[in-house]
Amino acid sequence: MEPEQFSRIVWACRRGMLELDVLLGNFLKEVFVSLPINEKNIFIQILNENDQDLFNWLMKKEEPTNPHFLLIIKKIRHHADYRHSA
């Protein structure tokens, strides 16, 4: 991945809610690089969703209707849970 493209993804992880900034930013820094390309692309697609939907999905208040999104949302949740239990 080109540094410029990665910089755009970093910027897209900066959201209007601190909780989203932390969850998405940590996942990007610590997990994103190890994802298969198709999951990287889904993560990038998720970043186009609005903050309220992302917040509801990541806080387990709702599930995304897109099953591909659900896979990545679960990975982000798992990563956050792991970080808090470590």
PDB file of N, CA and C in Angstrom:
ATOM      1  N   MET A   1       0.843  -1.177   0.000  1.00  0.00           N
ATOM      2  CA  MET A   1       0.000   0.000   0.000  1.00  0.00           C
ATOM      3  C   MET A   1       0.887   1.238   0.000  1.00  0.00           C
ATOM      4  N   GLU A   2       0.534   2.169  -0.833  1.00  0.00           N
ATOM      5  CA  GLU A   2       1.286   3.415  -0.944  1.00  0.00           C
ATOM      6  C   GLU A   2       1.140   4.240   0.340  1.00  0.00           C
ATOM      7  N   PRO A   3       2.195   4.926   0.759  1.00  0.00           N
ATOM      8  CA  PRO A   3       2.104   5.769   1.967  1.00  0.00           C
ATOM      9  C   PRO A   3       0.991   6.813   1.884  1.00  0.00           C
ATOM     10  N   GLU A   4       0.781   7.372   0.700  1.00  0.00           N
ATOM     11  CA  GLU A   4      -0.271   8.375   0.541  1.00  0.00           C
ATOM     12  C   GLU A   4      -1.660   7.770   0.774  1.00  0.00           C
ATOM     13  N   GLN A   5      -1.856   6.553   0.257  1.00  0.00           N
ATOM     14  CA  GLN A   5      -3.139   5.880   0.458  1.00  0.00           C
ATOM     15  C   GLN A   5      -3.335   5.566   1.945  1.00  0.00           C
ATOM     16  N   PHE A   6      -2.286   5.110   2.618  1.00  0.00           N
ATOM     17  CA  PHE A   6      -2.385   4.821   4.046  1.00  0.00           C
ATOM     18  C   PHE A   6      -2.688   6.100   4.830  1.00  0.00           C
ATOM     19  N   SER A   7      -2.091   7.198   4.441  1.00  0.00           N
ATOM     20  CA  SER A   7      -2.354   8.479   5.110  1.00  0.00           C
ATOM     21  C   SER A   7      -3.821   8.875   4.990  1.00  0.00           C
ATOM     22  N   ARG A   8      -4.422   8.601   3.842  1.00  0.00           N
ATOM     23  CA  ARG A   8      -5.853   8.901   3.667  1.00  0.00           C
ATOM     24  C   ARG A   8      -6.698   8.041   4.591  1.00  0.00           C
ATOM     25  N   ILE A   9      -6.293   6.794   4.781  1.00  0.00           N
ATOM     26  CA  ILE A   9      -7.029   5.900   5.676  1.00  0.00           C
ATOM     27  C   ILE A   9      -6.882   6.372   7.119  1.00  0.00           C
ATOM     28  N   VAL A  10      -5.693   6.778   7.495  1.00  0.00           N
ATOM     29  CA  VAL A  10      -5.473   7.329   8.838  1.00  0.00           C
ATOM     30  C   VAL A  10      -6.397   8.515   9.056  1.00  0.00           C
ATOM     31  N   TRP A  11      -6.449   9.399   8.078  1.00  0.00           N
ATOM     32  CA  TRP A  11      -7.299  10.586   8.191  1.00  0.00           C
ATOM     33  C   TRP A  11      -8.768  10.189   8.289  1.00  0.00           C
ATOM     34  N   ALA A  12      -9.199   9.183   7.529  1.00  0.00           N
ATOM     35  CA  ALA A  12     -10.595   8.736   7.545  1.00  0.00           C
ATOM     36  C   ALA A  12     -10.978   8.104   8.885  1.00  0.00           C
ATOM     37  N   CYS A  13      -9.995   7.622   9.631  1.00  0.00           N
ATOM     38  CA  CYS A  13     -10.259   7.048  10.952  1.00  0.00           C
ATOM     39  C   CYS A  13     -10.505   8.129  11.999  1.00  0.00           C
ATOM     40  N   ARG A  14     -10.164   9.341  11.682  1.00  0.00           N
ATOM     41  CA  ARG A  14     -10.436  10.468  12.595  1.00  0.00           C
ATOM     42  C   ARG A  14     -11.890  10.863  12.418  1.00  0.00           C
ATOM     43  N   ARG A  15     -12.655  10.703  13.461  1.00  0.00           N
ATOM     44  CA  ARG A  15     -14.093  10.882  13.372  1.00  0.00           C
ATOM     45  C   ARG A  15     -14.554  12.001  14.290  1.00  0.00           C
ATOM     46  N   GLY A  16     -15.855  12.197  14.346  1.00  0.00           N
ATOM     47  CA  GLY A  16     -16.436  13.217  15.198  1.00  0.00           C
ATOM     48  C   GLY A  16     -16.632  12.764  16.632  1.00  0.00           C
ATOM     49  N   MET A  17     -16.361  11.509  16.906  1.00  0.00           N
ATOM     50  CA  MET A  17     -16.519  10.961  18.256  1.00  0.00           C
ATOM     51  C   MET A  17     -15.193  10.380  18.713  1.00  0.00           C
ATOM     52  N   LEU A  18     -14.784  10.736  19.906  1.00  0.00           N
ATOM     53  CA  LEU A  18     -13.523  10.230  20.445  1.00  0.00           C
ATOM     54  C   LEU A  18     -13.501   8.706  20.487  1.00  0.00           C
ATOM     55  N   GLU A  19     -14.615   8.092  20.850  1.00  0.00           N
ATOM     56  CA  GLU A  19     -14.675   6.637  20.941  1.00  0.00           C
ATOM     57  C   GLU A  19     -14.329   5.990  19.593  1.00  0.00           C
ATOM     58  N   LEU A  20     -14.867   6.562  18.527  1.00  0.00           N
ATOM     59  CA  LEU A  20     -14.578   6.028  17.191  1.00  0.00           C
ATOM     60  C   LEU A  20     -13.125   6.267  16.812  1.00  0.00           C
ATOM     61  N   ASP A  21     -12.606   7.448  17.130  1.00  0.00           N
ATOM     62  CA  ASP A  21     -11.191   7.741  16.861  1.00  0.00           C
ATOM     63  C   ASP A  21     -10.299   6.674  17.485  1.00  0.00           C
ATOM     64  N   VAL A  22     -10.574   6.351  18.737  1.00  0.00           N
ATOM     65  CA  VAL A  22      -9.745   5.393  19.477  1.00  0.00           C
ATOM     66  C   VAL A  22      -9.893   3.988  18.893  1.00  0.00           C
ATOM     67  N   LEU A  23     -11.132   3.525  18.736  1.00  0.00           N
ATOM     68  CA  LEU A  23     -11.352   2.166  18.236  1.00  0.00           C
ATOM     69  C   LEU A  23     -10.781   1.969  16.839  1.00  0.00           C
ATOM     70  N   LEU A  24     -11.111   2.881  15.943  1.00  0.00           N
ATOM     71  CA  LEU A  24     -10.650   2.748  14.557  1.00  0.00           C
ATOM     72  C   LEU A  24      -9.151   2.976  14.443  1.00  0.00           C
ATOM     73  N   GLY A  25      -8.633   3.970  15.160  1.00  0.00           N
ATOM     74  CA  GLY A  25      -7.204   4.270  15.100  1.00  0.00           C
ATOM     75  C   GLY A  25      -6.342   3.137  15.635  1.00  0.00           C
ATOM     76  N   ASN A  26      -6.743   2.575  16.763  1.00  0.00           N
ATOM     77  CA  ASN A  26      -5.977   1.457  17.321  1.00  0.00           C
ATOM     78  C   ASN A  26      -6.017   0.244  16.404  1.00  0.00           C
ATOM     79  N   PHE A  27      -7.202  -0.041  15.850  1.00  0.00           N
ATOM     80  CA  PHE A  27      -7.333  -1.165  14.934  1.00  0.00           C
ATOM     81  C   PHE A  27      -6.454  -0.951  13.703  1.00  0.00           C
ATOM     82  N   LEU A  28      -6.472   0.256  13.184  1.00  0.00           N
ATOM     83  CA  LEU A  28      -5.654   0.570  12.014  1.00  0.00           C
ATOM     84  C   LEU A  28      -4.173   0.360  12.317  1.00  0.00           C
ATOM     85  N   LYS A  29      -3.714   0.884  13.442  1.00  0.00           N
ATOM     86  CA  LYS A  29      -2.284   0.790  13.788  1.00  0.00           C
ATOM     87  C   LYS A  29      -1.846  -0.626  14.111  1.00  0.00           C
ATOM     88  N   GLU A  30      -2.730  -1.410  14.731  1.00  0.00           N
ATOM     89  CA  GLU A  30      -2.301  -2.686  15.291  1.00  0.00           C
ATOM     90  C   GLU A  30      -2.769  -3.926  14.529  1.00  0.00           C
ATOM     91  N   VAL A  31      -3.780  -3.801  13.678  1.00  0.00           N
ATOM     92  CA  VAL A  31      -4.341  -4.990  13.019  1.00  0.00           C
ATOM     93  C   VAL A  31      -4.403  -4.854  11.503  1.00  0.00           C
ATOM     94  N   PHE A  32      -4.715  -3.677  11.017  1.00  0.00           N
ATOM     95  CA  PHE A  32      -4.990  -3.466   9.594  1.00  0.00           C
ATOM     96  C   PHE A  32      -3.927  -4.077   8.689  1.00  0.00           C
ATOM     97  N   VAL A  33      -2.675  -3.867   9.004  1.00  0.00           N
ATOM     98  CA  VAL A  33      -1.587  -4.333   8.134  1.00  0.00           C
ATOM     99  C   VAL A  33      -1.608  -5.852   7.940  1.00  0.00           C
ATOM    100  N   SER A  34      -2.124  -6.588   8.912  1.00  0.00           N
ATOM    101  CA  SER A  34      -2.127  -8.055   8.828  1.00  0.00           C
ATOM    102  C   SER A  34      -3.393  -8.615   8.179  1.00  0.00           C
ATOM    103  N   LEU A  35      -4.352  -7.761   7.846  1.00  0.00           N
ATOM    104  CA  LEU A  35      -5.588  -8.234   7.219  1.00  0.00           C
ATOM    105  C   LEU A  35      -5.346  -8.635   5.773  1.00  0.00           C
ATOM    106  N   PRO A  36      -6.101  -9.626   5.292  1.00  0.00           N
ATOM    107  CA  PRO A  36      -6.055  -9.909   3.851  1.00  0.00           C
ATOM    108  C   PRO A  36      -6.611  -8.712   3.077  1.00  0.00           C
ATOM    109  N   ILE A  37      -6.245  -8.580   1.843  1.00  0.00           N
ATOM    110  CA  ILE A  37      -6.601  -7.415   1.043  1.00  0.00           C
ATOM    111  C   ILE A  37      -8.108  -7.193   0.981  1.00  0.00           C
ATOM    112  N   ASN A  38      -8.894  -8.268   0.876  1.00  0.00           N
ATOM    113  CA  ASN A  38     -10.349  -8.092   0.797  1.00  0.00           C
ATOM    114  C   ASN A  38     -10.897  -7.493   2.090  1.00  0.00           C
ATOM    115  N   GLU A  39     -10.331  -7.861   3.235  1.00  0.00           N
ATOM    116  CA  GLU A  39     -10.780  -7.292   4.508  1.00  0.00           C
ATOM    117  C   GLU A  39     -10.286  -5.852   4.674  1.00  0.00           C
ATOM    118  N   LYS A  40      -9.115  -5.553   4.152  1.00  0.00           N
ATOM    119  CA  LYS A  40      -8.655  -4.153   4.150  1.00  0.00           C
ATOM    120  C   LYS A  40      -9.629  -3.288   3.359  1.00  0.00           C
ATOM    121  N   ASN A  41     -10.060  -3.788   2.222  1.00  0.00           N
ATOM    122  CA  ASN A  41     -10.999  -3.031   1.390  1.00  0.00           C
ATOM    123  C   ASN A  41     -12.343  -2.830   2.087  1.00  0.00           C
ATOM    124  N   ILE A  42     -12.803  -3.842   2.823  1.00  0.00           N
ATOM    125  CA  ILE A  42     -14.058  -3.699   3.564  1.00  0.00           C
ATOM    126  C   ILE A  42     -13.887  -2.669   4.677  1.00  0.00           C
ATOM    127  N   PHE A  43     -12.754  -2.699   5.374  1.00  0.00           N
ATOM    128  CA  PHE A  43     -12.499  -1.703   6.415  1.00  0.00           C
ATOM    129  C   PHE A  43     -12.560  -0.299   5.820  1.00  0.00           C
ATOM    130  N   ILE A  44     -11.952  -0.119   4.668  1.00  0.00           N
ATOM    131  CA  ILE A  44     -11.973   1.181   3.999  1.00  0.00           C
ATOM    132  C   ILE A  44     -13.405   1.575   3.635  1.00  0.00           C
ATOM    133  N   GLN A  45     -14.212   0.622   3.185  1.00  0.00           N
ATOM    134  CA  GLN A  45     -15.615   0.909   2.875  1.00  0.00           C
ATOM    135  C   GLN A  45     -16.379   1.329   4.128  1.00  0.00           C
ATOM    136  N   ILE A  46     -16.094   0.667   5.235  1.00  0.00           N
ATOM    137  CA  ILE A  46     -16.770   0.998   6.498  1.00  0.00           C
ATOM    138  C   ILE A  46     -16.504   2.452   6.881  1.00  0.00           C
ATOM    139  N   LEU A  47     -15.325   2.938   6.570  1.00  0.00           N
ATOM    140  CA  LEU A  47     -14.979   4.316   6.917  1.00  0.00           C
ATOM    141  C   LEU A  47     -15.841   5.348   6.187  1.00  0.00           C
ATOM    142  N   ASN A  48     -16.560   4.915   5.159  1.00  0.00           N
ATOM    143  CA  ASN A  48     -17.477   5.807   4.447  1.00  0.00           C
ATOM    144  C   ASN A  48     -18.841   5.904   5.115  1.00  0.00           C
ATOM    145  N   GLU A  49     -19.079   5.079   6.124  1.00  0.00           N
ATOM    146  CA  GLU A  49     -20.365   5.098   6.819  1.00  0.00           C
ATOM    147  C   GLU A  49     -20.401   6.256   7.813  1.00  0.00           C
ATOM    148  N   ASN A  50     -21.606   6.641   8.220  1.00  0.00           N
ATOM    149  CA  ASN A  50     -21.714   7.774   9.139  1.00  0.00           C
ATOM    150  C   ASN A  50     -21.340   7.365  10.565  1.00  0.00           C
ATOM    151  N   ASP A  51     -20.965   8.356  11.334  1.00  0.00           N
ATOM    152  CA  ASP A  51     -20.471   8.115  12.696  1.00  0.00           C
ATOM    153  C   ASP A  51     -21.492   7.404  13.574  1.00  0.00           C
ATOM    154  N   GLN A  52     -22.748   7.788  13.473  1.00  0.00           N
ATOM    155  CA  GLN A  52     -23.759   7.190  14.345  1.00  0.00           C
ATOM    156  C   GLN A  52     -23.921   5.701  14.073  1.00  0.00           C
ATOM    157  N   ASP A  53     -23.925   5.310  12.800  1.00  0.00           N
ATOM    158  CA  ASP A  53     -24.005   3.882  12.476  1.00  0.00           C
ATOM    159  C   ASP A  53     -22.768   3.150  12.989  1.00  0.00           C
ATOM    160  N   LEU A  54     -21.594   3.702  12.724  1.00  0.00           N
ATOM    161  CA  LEU A  54     -20.368   3.073  13.213  1.00  0.00           C
ATOM    162  C   LEU A  54     -20.390   2.920  14.728  1.00  0.00           C
ATOM    163  N   PHE A  55     -20.787   3.962  15.418  1.00  0.00           N
ATOM    164  CA  PHE A  55     -20.849   3.911  16.876  1.00  0.00           C
ATOM    165  C   PHE A  55     -21.809   2.808  17.334  1.00  0.00           C
ATOM    166  N   ASN A  56     -23.008   2.762  16.757  1.00  0.00           N
ATOM    167  CA  ASN A  56     -23.986   1.738  17.142  1.00  0.00           C
ATOM    168  C   ASN A  56     -23.480   0.336  16.858  1.00  0.00           C
ATOM    169  N   TRP A  57     -22.817   0.147  15.741  1.00  0.00           N
ATOM    170  CA  TRP A  57     -22.279  -1.176  15.408  1.00  0.00           C
ATOM    171  C   TRP A  57     -21.165  -1.570  16.381  1.00  0.00           C
ATOM    172  N   LEU A  58     -20.252  -0.655  16.629  1.00  0.00           N
ATOM    173  CA  LEU A  58     -19.097  -0.982  17.466  1.00  0.00           C
ATOM    174  C   LEU A  58     -19.458  -1.111  18.946  1.00  0.00           C
ATOM    175  N   MET A  59     -20.523  -0.444  19.366  1.00  0.00           N
ATOM    176  CA  MET A  59     -20.974  -0.533  20.758  1.00  0.00           C
ATOM    177  C   MET A  59     -21.998  -1.657  20.953  1.00  0.00           C
ATOM    178  N   LYS A  60     -22.204  -2.460  19.919  1.00  0.00           N
ATOM    179  CA  LYS A  60     -23.111  -3.613  19.944  1.00  0.00           C
ATOM    180  C   LYS A  60     -24.568  -3.223  20.169  1.00  0.00           C
ATOM    181  N   LYS A  61     -24.918  -2.012  19.771  1.00  0.00           N
ATOM    182  CA  LYS A  61     -26.317  -1.575  19.865  1.00  0.00           C
ATOM    183  C   LYS A  61     -27.114  -2.032  18.652  1.00  0.00           C
ATOM    184  N   GLU A  62     -26.423  -2.189  17.529  1.00  0.00           N
ATOM    185  CA  GLU A  62     -27.027  -2.646  16.279  1.00  0.00           C
ATOM    186  C   GLU A  62     -25.995  -3.488  15.539  1.00  0.00           C
ATOM    187  N   GLU A  63     -26.467  -4.248  14.576  1.00  0.00           N
ATOM    188  CA  GLU A  63     -25.581  -4.998  13.692  1.00  0.00           C
ATOM    189  C   GLU A  63     -25.721  -4.429  12.283  1.00  0.00           C
ATOM    190  N   PRO A  64     -24.620  -4.302  11.565  1.00  0.00           N
ATOM    191  CA  PRO A  64     -24.744  -3.848  10.173  1.00  0.00           C
ATOM    192  C   PRO A  64     -25.497  -4.884   9.348  1.00  0.00           C
ATOM    193  N   THR A  65     -26.264  -4.426   8.384  1.00  0.00           N
ATOM    194  CA  THR A  65     -27.010  -5.359   7.533  1.00  0.00           C
ATOM    195  C   THR A  65     -26.102  -6.016   6.504  1.00  0.00           C
ATOM    196  N   ASN A  66     -25.002  -5.369   6.176  1.00  0.00           N
ATOM    197  CA  ASN A  66     -24.036  -5.923   5.228  1.00  0.00           C
ATOM    198  C   ASN A  66     -23.187  -6.974   5.951  1.00  0.00           C
ATOM    199  N   PRO A  67     -23.266  -8.243   5.540  1.00  0.00           N
ATOM    200  CA  PRO A  67     -22.507  -9.287   6.241  1.00  0.00           C
ATOM    201  C   PRO A  67     -20.989  -9.086   6.158  1.00  0.00           C
ATOM    202  N   HIS A  68     -20.514  -8.450   5.109  1.00  0.00           N
ATOM    203  CA  HIS A  68     -19.076  -8.175   5.002  1.00  0.00           C
ATOM    204  C   HIS A  68     -18.657  -7.150   6.050  1.00  0.00           C
ATOM    205  N   PHE A  69     -19.505  -6.158   6.274  1.00  0.00           N
ATOM    206  CA  PHE A  69     -19.225  -5.167   7.312  1.00  0.00           C
ATOM    207  C   PHE A  69     -19.201  -5.838   8.676  1.00  0.00           C
ATOM    208  N   LEU A  70     -20.126  -6.766   8.893  1.00  0.00           N
ATOM    209  CA  LEU A  70     -20.216  -7.431  10.196  1.00  0.00           C
ATOM    210  C   LEU A  70     -18.914  -8.155  10.530  1.00  0.00           C
ATOM    211  N   LEU A  71     -18.304  -8.780   9.554  1.00  0.00           N
ATOM    212  CA  LEU A  71     -17.026  -9.467   9.776  1.00  0.00           C
ATOM    213  C   LEU A  71     -15.980  -8.509  10.332  1.00  0.00           C
ATOM    214  N   ILE A  72     -15.829  -7.359   9.734  1.00  0.00           N
ATOM    215  CA  ILE A  72     -14.818  -6.397  10.176  1.00  0.00           C
ATOM    216  C   ILE A  72     -15.225  -5.742  11.487  1.00  0.00           C
ATOM    217  N   ILE A  73     -16.502  -5.424  11.645  1.00  0.00           N
ATOM    218  CA  ILE A  73     -16.972  -4.842  12.901  1.00  0.00           C
ATOM    219  C   ILE A  73     -16.651  -5.791  14.059  1.00  0.00           C
ATOM    220  N   LYS A  74     -16.883  -7.077  13.860  1.00  0.00           N
ATOM    221  CA  LYS A  74     -16.566  -8.055  14.915  1.00  0.00           C
ATOM    222  C   LYS A  74     -15.066  -8.092  15.204  1.00  0.00           C
ATOM    223  N   LYS A  75     -14.254  -7.946  14.177  1.00  0.00           N
ATOM    224  CA  LYS A  75     -12.799  -7.928  14.390  1.00  0.00           C
ATOM    225  C   LYS A  75     -12.381  -6.680  15.168  1.00  0.00           C
ATOM    226  N   ILE A  76     -12.989  -5.548  14.863  1.00  0.00           N
ATOM    227  CA  ILE A  76     -12.667  -4.313  15.590  1.00  0.00           C
ATOM    228  C   ILE A  76     -13.097  -4.455  17.050  1.00  0.00           C
ATOM    229  N   ARG A  77     -14.302  -4.995  17.275  1.00  0.00           N
ATOM    230  CA  ARG A  77     -14.782  -5.217  18.646  1.00  0.00           C
ATOM    231  C   ARG A  77     -13.841  -6.148  19.411  1.00  0.00           C
ATOM    232  N   HIS A  78     -13.476  -7.243  18.758  1.00  0.00           N
ATOM    233  CA  HIS A  78     -12.593  -8.226  19.403  1.00  0.00           C
ATOM    234  C   HIS A  78     -11.260  -7.578  19.775  1.00  0.00           C
ATOM    235  N   HIS A  79     -10.721  -6.805  18.865  1.00  0.00           N
ATOM    236  CA  HIS A  79      -9.454  -6.129  19.126  1.00  0.00           C
ATOM    237  C   HIS A  79      -9.581  -5.200  20.325  1.00  0.00           C
ATOM    238  N   ALA A  80     -10.672  -4.441  20.379  1.00  0.00           N
ATOM    239  CA  ALA A  80     -10.895  -3.522  21.499  1.00  0.00           C
ATOM    240  C   ALA A  80     -11.031  -4.295  22.806  1.00  0.00           C
ATOM    241  N   ASP A  81     -11.775  -5.393  22.778  1.00  0.00           N
ATOM    242  CA  ASP A  81     -11.948  -6.207  23.988  1.00  0.00           C
ATOM    243  C   ASP A  81     -10.610  -6.779  24.455  1.00  0.00           C
ATOM    244  N   TYR A  82      -9.815  -7.233  23.497  1.00  0.00           N
ATOM    245  CA  TYR A  82      -8.502  -7.812  23.824  1.00  0.00           C
ATOM    246  C   TYR A  82      -7.590  -6.760  24.456  1.00  0.00           C
ATOM    247  N   ARG A  83      -7.603  -5.553  23.908  1.00  0.00           N
ATOM    248  CA  ARG A  83      -6.757  -4.470  24.436  1.00  0.00           C
ATOM    249  C   ARG A  83      -7.144  -4.120  25.869  1.00  0.00           C
ATOM    250  N   HIS A  84      -8.444  -4.189  26.162  1.00  0.00           N
ATOM    251  CA  HIS A  84      -8.912  -3.822  27.501  1.00  0.00           C
ATOM    252  C   HIS A  84      -8.669  -4.922  28.524  1.00  0.00           C
ATOM    253  N   SER A  85      -8.575  -6.168  28.038  1.00  0.00           N
ATOM    254  CA  SER A  85      -8.350  -7.269  28.986  1.00  0.00           C
ATOM    255  C   SER A  85      -6.868  -7.546  29.212  1.00  0.00           C
ATOM    256  N   ALA A  86      -6.023  -7.001  28.362  1.00  0.00           N
ATOM    257  CA  ALA A  86      -4.571  -7.265  28.469  1.00  0.00           C
ATOM    258  C   ALA A  86      -3.928  -6.395  29.535  1.00  0.00           C
TER     259      ALA A  86
END
